[in-house]
C-alpha atoms as a PDB file:
ATOM      1  CA  MET A   1     102.921  92.897 100.540  1.00  0.00           C
ATOM      2  CA  ILE A   2      99.216  93.254  99.890  1.00  0.00           C
ATOM      3  CA  THR A   3      98.733  89.645 101.026  1.00  0.00           C
ATOM      4  CA  THR A   4     100.116  90.651 104.430  1.00  0.00           C
ATOM      5  CA  VAL A   5      97.631  93.509 104.710  1.00  0.00           C
ATOM      6  CA  HIS A   6      94.691  91.257 103.807  1.00  0.00           C
ATOM      7  CA  TRP A   7      95.919  88.601 106.273  1.00  0.00           C
ATOM      8  CA  ALA A   8      96.280  91.130 109.101  1.00  0.00           C
ATOM      9  CA  GLN A   9      92.611  92.102 108.823  1.00  0.00           C
ATOM     10  CA  GLN A  10      91.490  88.523 109.477  1.00  0.00           C
ATOM     11  CA  HIS A  11      93.971  87.134 112.017  1.00  0.00           C
ATOM     12  CA  SER A  12      95.024  88.036 115.515  1.00  0.00           C
ATOM     13  CA  ALA A  13      98.335  86.173 115.768  1.00  0.00           C
ATOM     14  CA  GLU A  14     101.121  88.114 117.441  1.00  0.00           C
ATOM     15  CA  VAL A  15     103.401  89.618 114.801  1.00  0.00           C
ATOM     16  CA  ALA A  16     106.616  91.434 115.697  1.00  0.00           C
ATOM     17  CA  GLY A  17     106.491  93.638 112.616  1.00  0.00           C
ATOM     18  CA  ALA A  18     106.423  93.738 108.835  1.00  0.00           C
ATOM     19  CA  LEU A  19     108.568  95.284 106.141  1.00  0.00           C
ATOM     20  CA  LEU A  20     106.377  96.071 103.133  1.00  0.00           C
ATOM     21  CA  ALA A  21     108.700  96.930 100.251  1.00  0.00           C
ATOM     22  CA  THR A  22     107.265  98.845  97.285  1.00  0.00           C
ATOM     23  CA  PRO A  23     103.668  97.621  97.504  1.00  0.00           C
ATOM     24  CA  PRO A  24     101.500  98.199  94.443  1.00  0.00           C
ATOM     25  CA  ASP A  25      98.655 100.642  94.860  1.00  0.00           C
ATOM     26  CA  PHE A  26      96.052  99.067  92.495  1.00  0.00           C
ATOM     27  CA  ALA A  27      94.385 102.514  92.247  1.00  0.00           C
ATOM     28  CA  THR A  28      95.341 102.749  88.591  1.00  0.00           C
ATOM     29  CA  PRO A  29      95.641  99.931  86.065  1.00  0.00           C
ATOM     30  CA  LEU A  30      98.922  98.041  86.192  1.00  0.00           C
ATOM     31  CA  PRO A  31     101.282  97.938  83.177  1.00  0.00           C
ATOM     32  CA  ASP A  32     100.757  95.417  80.381  1.00  0.00           C
ATOM     33  CA  GLY A  33     101.471  91.871  81.483  1.00  0.00           C
ATOM     34  CA  TYR A  34      99.985  92.378  84.956  1.00  0.00           C
ATOM     35  CA  PRO A  35      96.432  91.575  86.087  1.00  0.00           C
ATOM     36  CA  THR A  36      93.616  93.911  85.098  1.00  0.00           C
ATOM     37  CA  PRO A  37      91.538  95.725  87.739  1.00  0.00           C
ATOM     38  CA  ASP A  38      88.695  93.251  87.123  1.00  0.00           C
ATOM     39  CA  ALA A  39      91.005  90.255  87.581  1.00  0.00           C
ATOM     40  CA  LEU A  40      92.374  91.740  90.817  1.00  0.00           C
ATOM     41  CA  ALA A  41      88.839  92.219  92.146  1.00  0.00           C
ATOM     42  CA  ASP A  42      87.702  88.764  90.998  1.00  0.00           C
ATOM     43  CA  HIS A  43      90.562  87.150  92.925  1.00  0.00           C
ATOM     44  CA  GLY A  44      90.094  89.149  96.130  1.00  0.00           C
ATOM     45  CA  TRP A  45      93.082  91.478  95.836  1.00  0.00           C
ATOM     46  CA  THR A  46      90.927  94.585  95.785  1.00  0.00           C
ATOM     47  CA  PRO A  47      89.762  96.543  97.534  1.00  0.00           C
ATOM     48  CA  VAL A  48      92.997  96.839  99.487  1.00  0.00           C
ATOM     49  CA  PRO A  49      92.272  97.066 103.235  1.00  0.00           C
ATOM     50  CA  ARG A  50      92.902 100.535 104.658  1.00  0.00           C
ATOM     51  CA  ALA A  51      92.572  99.766 108.378  1.00  0.00           C
ATOM     52  CA  PRO A  52      95.621 100.216 110.617  1.00  0.00           C
ATOM     53  CA  LEU A  53      97.821  97.143 110.886  1.00  0.00           C
ATOM     54  CA  PRO A  54      97.850  95.577 114.358  1.00  0.00           C
ATOM     55  CA  PHE A  55     101.661  95.477 114.419  1.00  0.00           C
ATOM     56  CA  ARG A  56     104.604  97.749 113.685  1.00  0.00           C
ATOM     57  CA  SER A  57     105.389  98.135 110.019  1.00  0.00           C
ATOM     58  CA  ILE A  58     107.608  99.942 107.574  1.00  0.00           C
ATOM     59  CA  VAL A  59     106.560 100.701 104.008  1.00  0.00           C
ATOM     60  CA  ALA A  60     109.503 101.276 101.675  1.00  0.00           C
ATOM     61  CA  VAL A  61     108.286 103.433  98.780  1.00  0.00           C
ATOM     62  CA  SER A  62     109.942 104.227  95.461  1.00  0.00           C
ATOM     63  CA  ALA A  63     109.562 107.522  93.623  1.00  0.00           C
ATOM     64  CA  ASN A  64     109.292 105.765  90.246  1.00  0.00           C
ATOM     65  CA  ASP A  65     107.655 102.396  90.905  1.00  0.00           C
ATOM     66  CA  PRO A  66     105.622 101.426  87.812  1.00  0.00           C
ATOM     67  CA  LEU A  67     103.267  99.378  90.033  1.00  0.00           C
ATOM     68  CA  GLY A  68     102.494 102.029  92.622  1.00  0.00           C
ATOM     69  CA  SER A  69     102.471 105.804  92.530  1.00  0.00           C
ATOM     70  CA  PHE A  70     104.469 107.442  95.293  1.00  0.00           C
ATOM     71  CA  ALA A  71     101.482 109.457  96.561  1.00  0.00           C
ATOM     72  CA  GLN A  72      99.121 106.466  96.595  1.00  0.00           C
ATOM     73  CA  VAL A  73     101.583 104.178  98.383  1.00  0.00           C
ATOM     74  CA  VAL A  74     102.336 106.852 100.999  1.00  0.00           C
ATOM     75  CA  GLU A  75      98.581 107.235 101.552  1.00  0.00           C
ATOM     76  CA  LEU A  76      98.220 103.465 102.028  1.00  0.00           C
ATOM     77  CA  ALA A  77     101.139 103.456 104.464  1.00  0.00           C
ATOM     78  CA  ARG A  78      99.594 106.242 106.523  1.00  0.00           C
ATOM     79  CA  ASP A  79      96.250 104.429 106.625  1.00  0.00           C
ATOM     80  CA  TRP A  80      98.040 101.277 107.825  1.00  0.00           C
ATOM     81  CA  GLY A  81      99.902 103.255 110.501  1.00  0.00           C
ATOM     82  CA  SER A  82     103.215 102.334 108.893  1.00  0.00           C
ATOM     83  CA  HIS A  83     106.470 104.262 109.024  1.00  0.00           C
ATOM     84  CA  VAL A  84     107.342 105.443 105.495  1.00  0.00           C
ATOM     85  CA  VAL A  85     110.888 105.069 104.172  1.00  0.00           C
ATOM     86  CA  GLU A  86     111.533 106.864 100.889  1.00  0.00           C
ATOM     87  CA  LEU A  87     113.926 104.944  98.634  1.00  0.00           C
ATOM     88  CA  GLY A  88     114.311 107.555  95.907  1.00  0.00           C
ATOM     89  CA  ALA A  89     114.058 106.353  92.305  1.00  0.00           C
ATOM     90  CA  ALA A  90     114.378 102.634  93.064  1.00  0.00           C
ATOM     91  CA  GLY A  91     111.773 101.307  90.624  1.00  0.00           C
ATOM     92  CA  HIS A  92     109.885  98.224  91.793  1.00  0.00           C
ATOM     93  CA  LEU A  93     111.900  95.962  94.095  1.00  0.00           C
ATOM     94  CA  ASN A  94     111.726  92.651  92.269  1.00  0.00           C
ATOM     95  CA  PRO A  95     114.021  90.432  90.177  1.00  0.00           C
ATOM     96  CA  ALA A  96     112.405  91.675  86.946  1.00  0.00           C
ATOM     97  CA  SER A  97     113.749  95.138  87.807  1.00  0.00           C
ATOM     98  CA  GLY A  98     117.239  93.780  88.354  1.00  0.00           C
ATOM     99  CA  TYR A  99     117.100  93.346  92.122  1.00  0.00           C
ATOM    100  CA  GLY A 100     118.643  90.391  93.870  1.00  0.00           C
ATOM    101  CA  PRO A 101     119.821  90.574  97.467  1.00  0.00           C
ATOM    102  CA  TRP A 102     118.783  93.885  99.014  1.00  0.00           C
ATOM    103  CA  PRO A 103     121.062  94.787 101.953  1.00  0.00           C
ATOM    104  CA  ARG A 104     118.876  97.774 102.864  1.00  0.00           C
ATOM    105  CA  ALA A 105     116.225  95.276 103.960  1.00  0.00           C
ATOM    106  CA  GLU A 106     118.501  94.147 106.803  1.00  0.00           C
ATOM    107  CA  GLU A 107     118.783  97.744 108.018  1.00  0.00           C
ATOM    108  CA  LEU A 108     115.030  98.259 107.884  1.00  0.00           C
ATOM    109  CA  LEU A 109     114.357  94.971 109.673  1.00  0.00           C
ATOM    110  CA  HIS A 110     116.825  96.033 112.366  1.00  0.00           C
ATOM    111  CA  ASP A 111     114.878  99.298 112.711  1.00  0.00           C
ATOM    112  CA  LEU A 112     111.642  97.326 113.123  1.00  0.00           C
ATOM    113  CA  GLU A 113     113.173  95.103 115.767  1.00  0.00           C
ATOM    114  CA  HIS A 114     114.981  97.796 117.754  1.00  0.00           C
ATOM    115  CA  GLY A 115     113.189 101.010 116.860  1.00  0.00           C
END
């Protein structure tokens, strides 16, 4: 998700929209096993761009994501001009958290396309 935000700041290609599901916030150190703040900065991941995205977007945010606090991710979404969808206590949406196919994504993509 953060790759999309970095890309959008440097390119002007026409994009219909983006679904950004449970992005990390990088404002606080990530759990053990994830990159350190210094490693994130050294590899260009931080600072995370805060400028509005030049296309429609939805940020799906979890109340208990270990990689991004709810308040921080909502703040990022607002800075990007994204519509916020609260998922409740969904954790982080990745295979390590037990997620496989995520039917809700189809609904959110439909909202992006037709909303």
